[in-house]
Amino acid sequence: MKTKIIITGEKVHEVGYRPFLMGVAESLELERFFADNTFEDGKEAVYVLLDCSEEKIKTFREIINSKLPENAIVNKVVEEEYKGTVMKTENYYRYLTAMQLSKIAIYWGKMAGEIE
């Protein structure tokens, strides 16, 4: 079963939401998972794609509705049908790691420039 979950709020970017979601996906042993930052109606949003059993989607939903990353402020969680493909979780892990390393390099460059 495939589904798309959209999490919108005052603060869902730059709070570790994608690594948090990745941890939930890993804990449930999801084979296919993807999450990325976006904007919905001018507000920060994170969209999540899942391709797994209905039971695992239900459990994933329960977890993300009961726990948040520290400093996250969520206003709405919406779920809708999804028909596209979903990346393998192990491939998403590599993608997320590359994105996080890119952020570190950018911030390090800014900090190094300020120190000089």
PDB file of N, CA and C in Angstrom:
ATOM      1  N   MET A   1       0.837  -1.170   0.000  1.00  0.00           N
ATOM      2  CA  MET A   1       0.000   0.000   0.000  1.00  0.00           C
ATOM      3  C   MET A   1       0.888   1.242   0.000  1.00  0.00           C
ATOM      4  N   LYS A   2       0.507   2.232  -0.808  1.00  0.00           N
ATOM      5  CA  LYS A   2       1.275   3.467  -0.899  1.00  0.00           C
ATOM      6  C   LYS A   2       0.460   4.617  -0.323  1.00  0.00           C
ATOM      7  N   THR A   3       1.162   5.525   0.349  1.00  0.00           N
ATOM      8  CA  THR A   3       0.496   6.704   0.886  1.00  0.00           C
ATOM      9  C   THR A   3       1.466   7.872   0.934  1.00  0.00           C
ATOM     10  N   LYS A   4       0.908   9.069   0.944  1.00  0.00           N
ATOM     11  CA  LYS A   4       1.685  10.297   1.084  1.00  0.00           C
ATOM     12  C   LYS A   4       1.163  11.020   2.318  1.00  0.00           C
ATOM     13  N   ILE A   5       2.071  11.406   3.201  1.00  0.00           N
ATOM     14  CA  ILE A   5       1.718  12.146   4.403  1.00  0.00           C
ATOM     15  C   ILE A   5       2.372  13.521   4.301  1.00  0.00           C
ATOM     16  N   ILE A   6       1.592  14.569   4.545  1.00  0.00           N
ATOM     17  CA  ILE A   6       2.118  15.926   4.501  1.00  0.00           C
ATOM     18  C   ILE A   6       1.984  16.534   5.891  1.00  0.00           C
ATOM     19  N   ILE A   7       3.123  16.919   6.451  1.00  0.00           N
ATOM     20  CA  ILE A   7       3.178  17.504   7.784  1.00  0.00           C
ATOM     21  C   ILE A   7       3.477  18.992   7.609  1.00  0.00           C
ATOM     22  N   THR A   8       2.563  19.864   8.027  1.00  0.00           N
ATOM     23  CA  THR A   8       2.786  21.301   7.902  1.00  0.00           C
ATOM     24  C   THR A   8       2.786  21.935   9.282  1.00  0.00           C
ATOM     25  N   GLY A   9       3.493  23.064   9.374  1.00  0.00           N
ATOM     26  CA  GLY A   9       3.529  23.743  10.657  1.00  0.00           C
ATOM     27  C   GLY A   9       4.352  25.007  10.647  1.00  0.00           C
ATOM     28  N   GLU A  10       4.416  25.599  11.807  1.00  0.00           N
ATOM     29  CA  GLU A  10       5.187  26.827  11.994  1.00  0.00           C
ATOM     30  C   GLU A  10       6.681  26.535  11.892  1.00  0.00           C
ATOM     31  N   LYS A  11       7.077  25.339  12.373  1.00  0.00           N
ATOM     32  CA  LYS A  11       8.494  24.983  12.356  1.00  0.00           C
ATOM     33  C   LYS A  11       8.650  23.482  12.143  1.00  0.00           C
ATOM     34  N   VAL A  12       8.828  23.085  10.891  1.00  0.00           N
ATOM     35  CA  VAL A  12       9.101  21.678  10.590  1.00  0.00           C
ATOM     36  C   VAL A  12      10.379  21.516   9.755  1.00  0.00           C
ATOM     37  N   HIS A  13      10.993  22.630   9.357  1.00  0.00           N
ATOM     38  CA  HIS A  13      12.295  22.598   8.681  1.00  0.00           C
ATOM     39  C   HIS A  13      13.374  22.942   9.707  1.00  0.00           C
ATOM     40  N   GLU A  14      14.560  22.411   9.504  1.00  0.00           N
ATOM     41  CA  GLU A  14      15.723  22.714  10.354  1.00  0.00           C
ATOM     42  C   GLU A  14      15.529  22.311  11.812  1.00  0.00           C
ATOM     43  N   VAL A  15      14.733  21.279  12.051  1.00  0.00           N
ATOM     44  CA  VAL A  15      14.548  20.749  13.409  1.00  0.00           C
ATOM     45  C   VAL A  15      14.852  19.250  13.471  1.00  0.00           C
ATOM     46  N   GLY A  16      15.405  18.699  12.387  1.00  0.00           N
ATOM     47  CA  GLY A  16      15.725  17.277  12.350  1.00  0.00           C
ATOM     48  C   GLY A  16      14.538  16.380  12.049  1.00  0.00           C
ATOM     49  N   TYR A  17      13.546  16.941  11.342  1.00  0.00           N
ATOM     50  CA  TYR A  17      12.341  16.147  11.066  1.00  0.00           C
ATOM     51  C   TYR A  17      12.628  14.945  10.173  1.00  0.00           C
ATOM     52  N   ARG A  18      13.401  15.147   9.114  1.00  0.00           N
ATOM     53  CA  ARG A  18      13.661  14.022   8.204  1.00  0.00           C
ATOM     54  C   ARG A  18      14.463  12.910   8.879  1.00  0.00           C
ATOM     55  N   PRO A  19      15.526  13.220   9.647  1.00  0.00           N
ATOM     56  CA  PRO A  19      16.198  12.137  10.379  1.00  0.00           C
ATOM     57  C   PRO A  19      15.272  11.459  11.404  1.00  0.00           C
ATOM     58  N   PHE A  20      14.399  12.252  12.041  1.00  0.00           N
ATOM     59  CA  PHE A  20      13.421  11.674  12.975  1.00  0.00           C
ATOM     60  C   PHE A  20      12.520  10.677  12.241  1.00  0.00           C
ATOM     61  N   LEU A  21      11.986  11.079  11.096  1.00  0.00           N
ATOM     62  CA  LEU A  21      11.109  10.211  10.310  1.00  0.00           C
ATOM     63  C   LEU A  21      11.855   8.975   9.817  1.00  0.00           C
ATOM     64  N   MET A  22      13.126   9.173   9.440  1.00  0.00           N
ATOM     65  CA  MET A  22      13.949   8.053   9.001  1.00  0.00           C
ATOM     66  C   MET A  22      14.104   7.040  10.136  1.00  0.00           C
ATOM     67  N   GLY A  23      14.284   7.534  11.351  1.00  0.00           N
ATOM     68  CA  GLY A  23      14.385   6.648  12.505  1.00  0.00           C
ATOM     69  C   GLY A  23      13.113   5.852  12.736  1.00  0.00           C
ATOM     70  N   VAL A  24      11.967   6.507  12.554  1.00  0.00           N
ATOM     71  CA  VAL A  24      10.681   5.800  12.683  1.00  0.00           C
ATOM     72  C   VAL A  24      10.587   4.720  11.607  1.00  0.00           C
ATOM     73  N   ALA A  25      10.940   5.078  10.371  1.00  0.00           N
ATOM     74  CA  ALA A  25      10.886   4.109   9.268  1.00  0.00           C
ATOM     75  C   ALA A  25      11.803   2.920   9.541  1.00  0.00           C
ATOM     76  N   GLU A  26      12.995   3.184  10.032  1.00  0.00           N
ATOM     77  CA  GLU A  26      13.936   2.103  10.339  1.00  0.00           C
ATOM     78  C   GLU A  26      13.403   1.225  11.468  1.00  0.00           C
ATOM     79  N   SER A  27      12.808   1.849  12.500  1.00  0.00           N
ATOM     80  CA  SER A  27      12.301   1.067  13.631  1.00  0.00           C
ATOM     81  C   SER A  27      11.181   0.122  13.210  1.00  0.00           C
ATOM     82  N   LEU A  28      10.440   0.514  12.173  1.00  0.00           N
ATOM     83  CA  LEU A  28       9.349  -0.327  11.669  1.00  0.00           C
ATOM     84  C   LEU A  28       9.802  -1.259  10.542  1.00  0.00           C
ATOM     85  N   GLU A  29      11.089  -1.161  10.190  1.00  0.00           N
ATOM     86  CA  GLU A  29      11.676  -1.960   9.104  1.00  0.00           C
ATOM     87  C   GLU A  29      10.939  -1.770   7.784  1.00  0.00           C
ATOM     88  N   LEU A  30      10.636  -0.495   7.471  1.00  0.00           N
ATOM     89  CA  LEU A  30       9.982  -0.198   6.195  1.00  0.00           C
ATOM     90  C   LEU A  30      10.978  -0.395   5.054  1.00  0.00           C
ATOM     91  N   GLU A  31      10.540  -1.054   4.008  1.00  0.00           N
ATOM     92  CA  GLU A  31      11.421  -1.293   2.866  1.00  0.00           C
ATOM     93  C   GLU A  31      11.489  -0.095   1.931  1.00  0.00           C
ATOM     94  N   ARG A  32      10.412   0.685   1.874  1.00  0.00           N
ATOM     95  CA  ARG A  32      10.370   1.845   0.970  1.00  0.00           C
ATOM     96  C   ARG A  32       9.856   3.066   1.723  1.00  0.00           C
ATOM     97  N   PHE A  33      10.667   4.141   1.661  1.00  0.00           N
ATOM     98  CA  PHE A  33      10.387   5.350   2.427  1.00  0.00           C
ATOM     99  C   PHE A  33      11.103   6.529   1.774  1.00  0.00           C
ATOM    100  N   PHE A  34      10.476   7.686   1.819  1.00  0.00           N
ATOM    101  CA  PHE A  34      11.108   8.924   1.348  1.00  0.00           C
ATOM    102  C   PHE A  34      10.483  10.091   2.097  1.00  0.00           C
ATOM    103  N   ALA A  35      11.279  11.101   2.415  1.00  0.00           N
ATOM    104  CA  ALA A  35      10.764  12.319   3.052  1.00  0.00           C
ATOM    105  C   ALA A  35      11.577  13.499   2.550  1.00  0.00           C
ATOM    106  N   ASP A  36      10.919  14.625   2.347  1.00  0.00           N
ATOM    107  CA  ASP A  36      11.631  15.819   1.897  1.00  0.00           C
ATOM    108  C   ASP A  36      10.901  17.068   2.372  1.00  0.00           C
ATOM    109  N   ASN A  37      11.654  18.147   2.473  1.00  0.00           N
ATOM    110  CA  ASN A  37      11.073  19.433   2.853  1.00  0.00           C
ATOM    111  C   ASN A  37      10.409  20.084   1.652  1.00  0.00           C
ATOM    112  N   THR A  38       9.337  20.796   1.916  1.00  0.00           N
ATOM    113  CA  THR A  38       8.619  21.533   0.884  1.00  0.00           C
ATOM    114  C   THR A  38       7.849  22.658   1.564  1.00  0.00           C
ATOM    115  N   PHE A  39       6.995  23.327   0.830  1.00  0.00           N
ATOM    116  CA  PHE A  39       6.115  24.353   1.385  1.00  0.00           C
ATOM    117  C   PHE A  39       4.695  24.073   0.908  1.00  0.00           C
ATOM    118  N   GLU A  40       3.728  24.271   1.784  1.00  0.00           N
ATOM    119  CA  GLU A  40       2.309  24.119   1.467  1.00  0.00           C
ATOM    120  C   GLU A  40       1.603  25.398   1.907  1.00  0.00           C
ATOM    121  N   ASP A  41       0.991  26.099   0.963  1.00  0.00           N
ATOM    122  CA  ASP A  41       0.286  27.348   1.272  1.00  0.00           C
ATOM    123  C   ASP A  41       1.178  28.322   2.041  1.00  0.00           C
ATOM    124  N   GLY A  42       2.443  28.409   1.648  1.00  0.00           N
ATOM    125  CA  GLY A  42       3.383  29.336   2.263  1.00  0.00           C
ATOM    126  C   GLY A  42       3.940  28.902   3.603  1.00  0.00           C
ATOM    127  N   LYS A  43       3.546  27.723   4.083  1.00  0.00           N
ATOM    128  CA  LYS A  43       4.050  27.226   5.368  1.00  0.00           C
ATOM    129  C   LYS A  43       5.041  26.092   5.137  1.00  0.00           C
ATOM    130  N   GLU A  44       5.957  25.970   6.083  1.00  0.00           N
ATOM    131  CA  GLU A  44       6.907  24.863   6.022  1.00  0.00           C
ATOM    132  C   GLU A  44       6.154  23.540   6.050  1.00  0.00           C
ATOM    133  N   ALA A  45       6.642  22.581   5.281  1.00  0.00           N
ATOM    134  CA  ALA A  45       6.020  21.258   5.243  1.00  0.00           C
ATOM    135  C   ALA A  45       7.078  20.195   4.993  1.00  0.00           C
ATOM    136  N   VAL A  46       6.780  19.004   5.412  1.00  0.00           N
ATOM    137  CA  VAL A  46       7.579  17.820   5.109  1.00  0.00           C
ATOM    138  C   VAL A  46       6.625  16.816   4.506  1.00  0.00           C
ATOM    139  N   TYR A  47       6.993  16.275   3.342  1.00  0.00           N
ATOM    140  CA  TYR A  47       6.137  15.221   2.800  1.00  0.00           C
ATOM    141  C   TYR A  47       6.858  13.892   2.915  1.00  0.00           C
ATOM    142  N   VAL A  48       6.069  12.880   3.180  1.00  0.00           N
ATOM    143  CA  VAL A  48       6.571  11.536   3.418  1.00  0.00           C
ATOM    144  C   VAL A  48       5.871  10.590   2.455  1.00  0.00           C
ATOM    145  N   LEU A  49       6.634   9.735   1.821  1.00  0.00           N
ATOM    146  CA  LEU A  49       6.076   8.693   0.961  1.00  0.00           C
ATOM    147  C   LEU A  49       6.372   7.342   1.586  1.00  0.00           C
ATOM    148  N   LEU A  50       5.367   6.502   1.664  1.00  0.00           N
ATOM    149  CA  LEU A  50       5.518   5.163   2.222  1.00  0.00           C
ATOM    150  C   LEU A  50       4.962   4.138   1.250  1.00  0.00           C
ATOM    151  N   ASP A  51       5.621   3.013   1.165  1.00  0.00           N
ATOM    152  CA  ASP A  51       5.124   1.872   0.402  1.00  0.00           C
ATOM    153  C   ASP A  51       5.374   0.643   1.272  1.00  0.00           C
ATOM    154  N   CYS A  52       4.326   0.225   1.987  1.00  0.00           N
ATOM    155  CA  CYS A  52       4.450  -0.885   2.921  1.00  0.00           C
ATOM    156  C   CYS A  52       3.048  -1.395   3.266  1.00  0.00           C
ATOM    157  N   SER A  53       2.971  -2.276   4.210  1.00  0.00           N
ATOM    158  CA  SER A  53       1.668  -2.832   4.592  1.00  0.00           C
ATOM    159  C   SER A  53       0.805  -1.767   5.268  1.00  0.00           C
ATOM    160  N   GLU A  54      -0.487  -1.984   5.223  1.00  0.00           N
ATOM    161  CA  GLU A  54      -1.430  -1.063   5.856  1.00  0.00           C
ATOM    162  C   GLU A  54      -1.177  -0.978   7.357  1.00  0.00           C
ATOM    163  N   GLU A  55      -0.815  -2.091   7.957  1.00  0.00           N
ATOM    164  CA  GLU A  55      -0.534  -2.130   9.398  1.00  0.00           C
ATOM    165  C   GLU A  55       0.675  -1.254   9.741  1.00  0.00           C
ATOM    166  N   LYS A  56       1.716  -1.325   8.924  1.00  0.00           N
ATOM    167  CA  LYS A  56       2.907  -0.496   9.193  1.00  0.00           C
ATOM    168  C   LYS A  56       2.602   0.987   8.970  1.00  0.00           C
ATOM    169  N   ILE A  57       1.785   1.298   7.990  1.00  0.00           N
ATOM    170  CA  ILE A  57       1.381   2.701   7.773  1.00  0.00           C
ATOM    171  C   ILE A  57       0.615   3.201   8.988  1.00  0.00           C
ATOM    172  N   LYS A  58      -0.269   2.372   9.514  1.00  0.00           N
ATOM    173  CA  LYS A  58      -1.051   2.749  10.693  1.00  0.00           C
ATOM    174  C   LYS A  58      -0.123   3.027  11.872  1.00  0.00           C
ATOM    175  N   THR A  59       0.845   2.156  12.093  1.00  0.00           N
ATOM    176  CA  THR A  59       1.788   2.333  13.198  1.00  0.00           C
ATOM    177  C   THR A  59       2.644   3.575  12.987  1.00  0.00           C
ATOM    178  N   PHE A  60       3.110   3.794  11.762  1.00  0.00           N
ATOM    179  CA  PHE A  60       3.899   4.988  11.433  1.00  0.00           C
ATOM    180  C   PHE A  60       3.083   6.239  11.764  1.00  0.00           C
ATOM    181  N   ARG A  61       1.836   6.251  11.325  1.00  0.00           N
ATOM    182  CA  ARG A  61       0.937   7.380  11.568  1.00  0.00           C
ATOM    183  C   ARG A  61       0.779   7.636  13.062  1.00  0.00           C
ATOM    184  N   GLU A  62       0.562   6.572  13.838  1.00  0.00           N
ATOM    185  CA  GLU A  62       0.397   6.712  15.288  1.00  0.00           C
ATOM    186  C   GLU A  62       1.636   7.323  15.936  1.00  0.00           C
ATOM    187  N   ILE A  63       2.798   6.872  15.513  1.00  0.00           N
ATOM    188  CA  ILE A  63       4.044   7.387  16.095  1.00  0.00           C
ATOM    189  C   ILE A  63       4.226   8.862  15.768  1.00  0.00           C
ATOM    190  N   ILE A  64       4.059   9.236  14.496  1.00  0.00           N
ATOM    191  CA  ILE A  64       4.323  10.642  14.144  1.00  0.00           C
ATOM    192  C   ILE A  64       3.248  11.586  14.667  1.00  0.00           C
ATOM    193  N   ASN A  65       2.090  11.051  15.025  1.00  0.00           N
ATOM    194  CA  ASN A  65       1.059  11.889  15.638  1.00  0.00           C
ATOM    195  C   ASN A  65       1.250  12.017  17.147  1.00  0.00           C
ATOM    196  N   SER A  66       2.084  11.167  17.738  1.00  0.00           N
ATOM    197  CA  SER A  66       2.283  11.217  19.190  1.00  0.00           C
ATOM    198  C   SER A  66       3.655  11.761  19.588  1.00  0.00           C
ATOM    199  N   LYS A  67       4.604  11.800  18.647  1.00  0.00           N
ATOM    200  CA  LYS A  67       5.954  12.277  18.941  1.00  0.00           C
ATOM    201  C   LYS A  67       6.397  13.260  17.868  1.00  0.00           C
ATOM    202  N   LEU A  68       7.196  14.233  18.280  1.00  0.00           N
ATOM    203  CA  LEU A  68       7.750  15.224  17.350  1.00  0.00           C
ATOM    204  C   LEU A  68       9.225  15.409  17.640  1.00  0.00           C
ATOM    205  N   PRO A  69       9.978  15.862  16.655  1.00  0.00           N
ATOM    206  CA  PRO A  69      11.347  16.275  16.960  1.00  0.00           C
ATOM    207  C   PRO A  69      11.316  17.489  17.893  1.00  0.00           C
ATOM    208  N   GLU A  70      12.326  17.605  18.724  1.00  0.00           N
ATOM    209  CA  GLU A  70      12.416  18.758  19.617  1.00  0.00           C
ATOM    210  C   GLU A  70      12.382  20.047  18.791  1.00  0.00           C
ATOM    211  N   ASN A  71      11.671  21.033  19.245  1.00  0.00           N
ATOM    212  CA  ASN A  71      11.521  22.358  18.613  1.00  0.00           C
ATOM    213  C   ASN A  71      10.591  22.377  17.411  1.00  0.00           C
ATOM    214  N   ALA A  72      10.024  21.254  17.029  1.00  0.00           N
ATOM    215  CA  ALA A  72       9.073  21.233  15.911  1.00  0.00           C
ATOM    216  C   ALA A  72       7.720  21.765  16.381  1.00  0.00           C
ATOM    217  N   ILE A  73       7.073  22.528  15.505  1.00  0.00           N
ATOM    218  CA  ILE A  73       5.722  23.018  15.764  1.00  0.00           C
ATOM    219  C   ILE A  73       4.871  22.599  14.568  1.00  0.00           C
ATOM    220  N   VAL A  74       3.971  21.647  14.797  1.00  0.00           N
ATOM    221  CA  VAL A  74       3.141  21.084  13.738  1.00  0.00           C
ATOM    222  C   VAL A  74       1.711  21.599  13.875  1.00  0.00           C
ATOM    223  N   ASN A  75       1.136  22.031  12.749  1.00  0.00           N
ATOM    224  CA  ASN A  75      -0.249  22.485  12.739  1.00  0.00           C
ATOM    225  C   ASN A  75      -1.197  21.440  12.160  1.00  0.00           C
ATOM    226  N   LYS A  76      -0.677  20.642  11.206  1.00  0.00           N
ATOM    227  CA  LYS A  76      -1.587  19.739  10.497  1.00  0.00           C
ATOM    228  C   LYS A  76      -0.807  18.567   9.910  1.00  0.00           C
ATOM    229  N   VAL A  77      -1.435  17.390   9.951  1.00  0.00           N
ATOM    230  CA  VAL A  77      -0.901  16.194   9.291  1.00  0.00           C
ATOM    231  C   VAL A  77      -2.010  15.653   8.407  1.00  0.00           C
ATOM    232  N   VAL A  78      -1.742  15.572   7.102  1.00  0.00           N
ATOM    233  CA  VAL A  78      -2.737  15.126   6.133  1.00  0.00           C
ATOM    234  C   VAL A  78      -2.193  13.898   5.407  1.00  0.00           C
ATOM    235  N   GLU A  79      -3.053  12.960   5.146  1.00  0.00           N
ATOM    236  CA  GLU A  79      -2.656  11.758   4.424  1.00  0.00           C
ATOM    237  C   GLU A  79      -3.486  11.645   3.151  1.00  0.00           C
ATOM    238  N   GLU A  80      -2.824  11.244   2.065  1.00  0.00           N
ATOM    239  CA  GLU A  80      -3.535  11.065   0.803  1.00  0.00           C
ATOM    240  C   GLU A  80      -2.949   9.883   0.045  1.00  0.00           C
ATOM    241  N   GLU A  81      -3.719   9.390  -0.892  1.00  0.00           N
ATOM    242  CA  GLU A  81      -3.271   8.266  -1.716  1.00  0.00           C
ATOM    243  C   GLU A  81      -2.085   8.698  -2.573  1.00  0.00           C
ATOM    244  N   TYR A  82      -1.189   7.758  -2.810  1.00  0.00           N
ATOM    245  CA  TYR A  82      -0.022   8.026  -3.648  1.00  0.00           C
ATOM    246  C   TYR A  82       0.131   6.878  -4.631  1.00  0.00           C
ATOM    247  N   LYS A  83       0.397   7.199  -5.894  1.00  0.00           N
ATOM    248  CA  LYS A  83       0.475   6.155  -6.916  1.00  0.00           C
ATOM    249  C   LYS A  83       1.868   5.988  -7.526  1.00  0.00           C
ATOM    250  N   GLY A  84       2.794   6.881  -7.199  1.00  0.00           N
ATOM    251  CA  GLY A  84       4.127   6.822  -7.788  1.00  0.00           C
ATOM    252  C   GLY A  84       5.017   5.786  -7.131  1.00  0.00           C
ATOM    253  N   THR A  85       6.280   5.834  -7.489  1.00  0.00           N
ATOM    254  CA  THR A  85       7.251   4.919  -6.888  1.00  0.00           C
ATOM    255  C   THR A  85       7.830   5.551  -5.630  1.00  0.00           C
ATOM    256  N   VAL A  86       8.298   4.703  -4.741  1.00  0.00           N
ATOM    257  CA  VAL A  86       8.906   5.149  -3.491  1.00  0.00           C
ATOM    258  C   VAL A  86      10.291   4.511  -3.397  1.00  0.00           C
ATOM    259  N   MET A  87      11.261   5.334  -3.078  1.00  0.00           N
ATOM    260  CA  MET A  87      12.657   4.906  -2.981  1.00  0.00           C
ATOM    261  C   MET A  87      12.831   3.835  -1.894  1.00  0.00           C
ATOM    262  N   LYS A  88      13.769   2.932  -2.099  1.00  0.00           N
ATOM    263  CA  LYS A  88      14.115   1.969  -1.054  1.00  0.00           C
ATOM    264  C   LYS A  88      14.672   2.739   0.140  1.00  0.00           C
ATOM    265  N   THR A  89      14.340   2.305   1.323  1.00  0.00           N
ATOM    266  CA  THR A  89      14.754   2.994   2.546  1.00  0.00           C
ATOM    267  C   THR A  89      16.268   3.104   2.629  1.00  0.00           C
ATOM    268  N   GLU A  90      16.986   2.058   2.258  1.00  0.00           N
ATOM    269  CA  GLU A  90      18.453   2.105   2.322  1.00  0.00           C
ATOM    270  C   GLU A  90      19.010   3.159   1.360  1.00  0.00           C
ATOM    271  N   ASN A  91      18.372   3.364   0.227  1.00  0.00           N
ATOM    272  CA  ASN A  91      18.805   4.406  -0.702  1.00  0.00           C
ATOM    273  C   ASN A  91      18.474   5.789  -0.152  1.00  0.00           C
ATOM    274  N   TYR A  92      17.317   5.899   0.513  1.00  0.00           N
ATOM    275  CA  TYR A  92      16.962   7.175   1.123  1.00  0.00           C
ATOM    276  C   TYR A  92      17.964   7.551   2.210  1.00  0.00           C
ATOM    277  N   TYR A  93      18.413   6.577   2.973  1.00  0.00           N
ATOM    278  CA  TYR A  93      19.403   6.833   4.022  1.00  0.00           C
ATOM    279  C   TYR A  93      20.650   7.481   3.421  1.00  0.00           C
ATOM    280  N   ARG A  94      21.122   6.957   2.303  1.00  0.00           N
ATOM    281  CA  ARG A  94      22.293   7.542   1.643  1.00  0.00           C
ATOM    282  C   ARG A  94      21.985   8.944   1.124  1.00  0.00           C
ATOM    283  N   TYR A  95      20.802   9.138   0.547  1.00  0.00           N
ATOM    284  CA  TYR A  95      20.380  10.451   0.057  1.00  0.00           C
ATOM    285  C   TYR A  95      20.350  11.459   1.201  1.00  0.00           C
ATOM    286  N   LEU A  96      19.715  11.088   2.320  1.00  0.00           N
ATOM    287  CA  LEU A  96      19.604  11.988   3.460  1.00  0.00           C
ATOM    288  C   LEU A  96      20.982  12.321   4.027  1.00  0.00           C
ATOM    289  N   THR A  97      21.840  11.333   4.121  1.00  0.00           N
ATOM    290  CA  THR A  97      23.196  11.567   4.619  1.00  0.00           C
ATOM    291  C   THR A  97      23.923  12.580   3.741  1.00  0.00           C
ATOM    292  N   ALA A  98      23.814  12.442   2.433  1.00  0.00           N
ATOM    293  CA  ALA A  98      24.454  13.388   1.520  1.00  0.00           C
ATOM    294  C   ALA A  98      23.889  14.798   1.702  1.00  0.00           C
ATOM    295  N   MET A  99      22.580  14.913   1.867  1.00  0.00           N
ATOM    296  CA  MET A  99      21.956  16.226   2.067  1.00  0.00           C
ATOM    297  C   MET A  99      22.415  16.865   3.384  1.00  0.00           C
ATOM    298  N   GLN A 100      22.496  16.071   4.445  1.00  0.00           N
ATOM    299  CA  GLN A 100      22.925  16.588   5.737  1.00  0.00           C
ATOM    300  C   GLN A 100      24.395  16.994   5.692  1.00  0.00           C
ATOM    301  N   LEU A 101      25.240  16.221   5.028  1.00  0.00           N
ATOM    302  CA  LEU A 101      26.650  16.581   4.892  1.00  0.00           C
ATOM    303  C   LEU A 101      26.809  17.870   4.095  1.00  0.00           C
ATOM    304  N   SER A 102      25.977  18.056   3.103  1.00  0.00           N
ATOM    305  CA  SER A 102      26.006  19.290   2.322  1.00  0.00           C
ATOM    306  C   SER A 102      25.688  20.493   3.207  1.00  0.00           C
ATOM    307  N   LYS A 103      24.693  20.357   4.070  1.00  0.00           N
ATOM    308  CA  LYS A 103      24.343  21.436   5.006  1.00  0.00           C
ATOM    309  C   LYS A 103      25.514  21.754   5.931  1.00  0.00           C
ATOM    310  N   ILE A 104      26.153  20.698   6.448  1.00  0.00           N
ATOM    311  CA  ILE A 104      27.292  20.891   7.348  1.00  0.00           C
ATOM    312  C   ILE A 104      28.396  21.659   6.636  1.00  0.00           C
ATOM    313  N   ALA A 105      28.678  21.299   5.389  1.00  0.00           N
ATOM    314  CA  ALA A 105      29.726  21.982   4.627  1.00  0.00           C
ATOM    315  C   ALA A 105      29.387  23.461   4.436  1.00  0.00           C
ATOM    316  N   ILE A 106      28.134  23.762   4.151  1.00  0.00           N
ATOM    317  CA  ILE A 106      27.708  25.155   3.958  1.00  0.00           C
ATOM    318  C   ILE A 106      27.855  25.938   5.259  1.00  0.00           C
ATOM    319  N   TYR A 107      27.346  25.374   6.364  1.00  0.00           N
ATOM    320  CA  TYR A 107      27.440  26.065   7.653  1.00  0.00           C
ATOM    321  C   TYR A 107      28.889  26.217   8.094  1.00  0.00           C
ATOM    322  N   TRP A 108      29.716  25.200   7.870  1.00  0.00           N
ATOM    323  CA  TRP A 108      31.122  25.275   8.237  1.00  0.00           C
ATOM    324  C   TRP A 108      31.802  26.391   7.447  1.00  0.00           C
ATOM    325  N   GLY A 109      31.493  26.487   6.165  1.00  0.00           N
ATOM    326  CA  GLY A 109      32.079  27.555   5.346  1.00  0.00           C
ATOM    327  C   GLY A 109      31.693  28.934   5.857  1.00  0.00           C
ATOM    328  N   LYS A 110      30.449  29.103   6.264  1.00  0.00           N
ATOM    329  CA  LYS A 110      29.990  30.386   6.816  1.00  0.00           C
ATOM    330  C   LYS A 110      30.703  30.692   8.129  1.00  0.00           C
ATOM    331  N   MET A 111      30.819  29.677   8.988  1.00  0.00           N
ATOM    332  CA  MET A 111      31.480  29.892  10.272  1.00  0.00           C
ATOM    333  C   MET A 111      32.942  30.207  10.098  1.00  0.00           C
ATOM    334  N   ALA A 112      33.604  29.514   9.190  1.00  0.00           N
ATOM    335  CA  ALA A 112      35.030  29.748   8.946  1.00  0.00           C
ATOM    336  C   ALA A 112      35.262  31.170   8.442  1.00  0.00           C
ATOM    337  N   GLY A 113      34.363  31.649   7.580  1.00  0.00           N
ATOM    338  CA  GLY A 113      34.467  33.017   7.067  1.00  0.00           C
ATOM    339  C   GLY A 113      34.281  34.050   8.173  1.00  0.00           C
ATOM    340  N   GLU A 114      33.418  33.753   9.135  1.00  0.00           N
ATOM    341  CA  GLU A 114      33.174  34.692  10.244  1.00  0.00           C
ATOM    342  C   GLU A 114      34.361  34.718  11.211  1.00  0.00           C
ATOM    343  N   ILE A 115      35.028  33.586  11.367  1.00  0.00           N
ATOM    344  CA  ILE A 115      36.170  33.514  12.275  1.00  0.00           C
ATOM    345  C   ILE A 115      37.348  34.318  11.751  1.00  0.00           C
ATOM    346  N   GLU A 116      37.560  34.263  10.445  1.00  0.00           N
ATOM    347  CA  GLU A 116      38.667  34.994   9.826  1.00  0.00           C
ATOM    348  C   GLU A 116      38.385  36.462   9.934  1.00  0.00           C
TER     349      GLU A 116
END
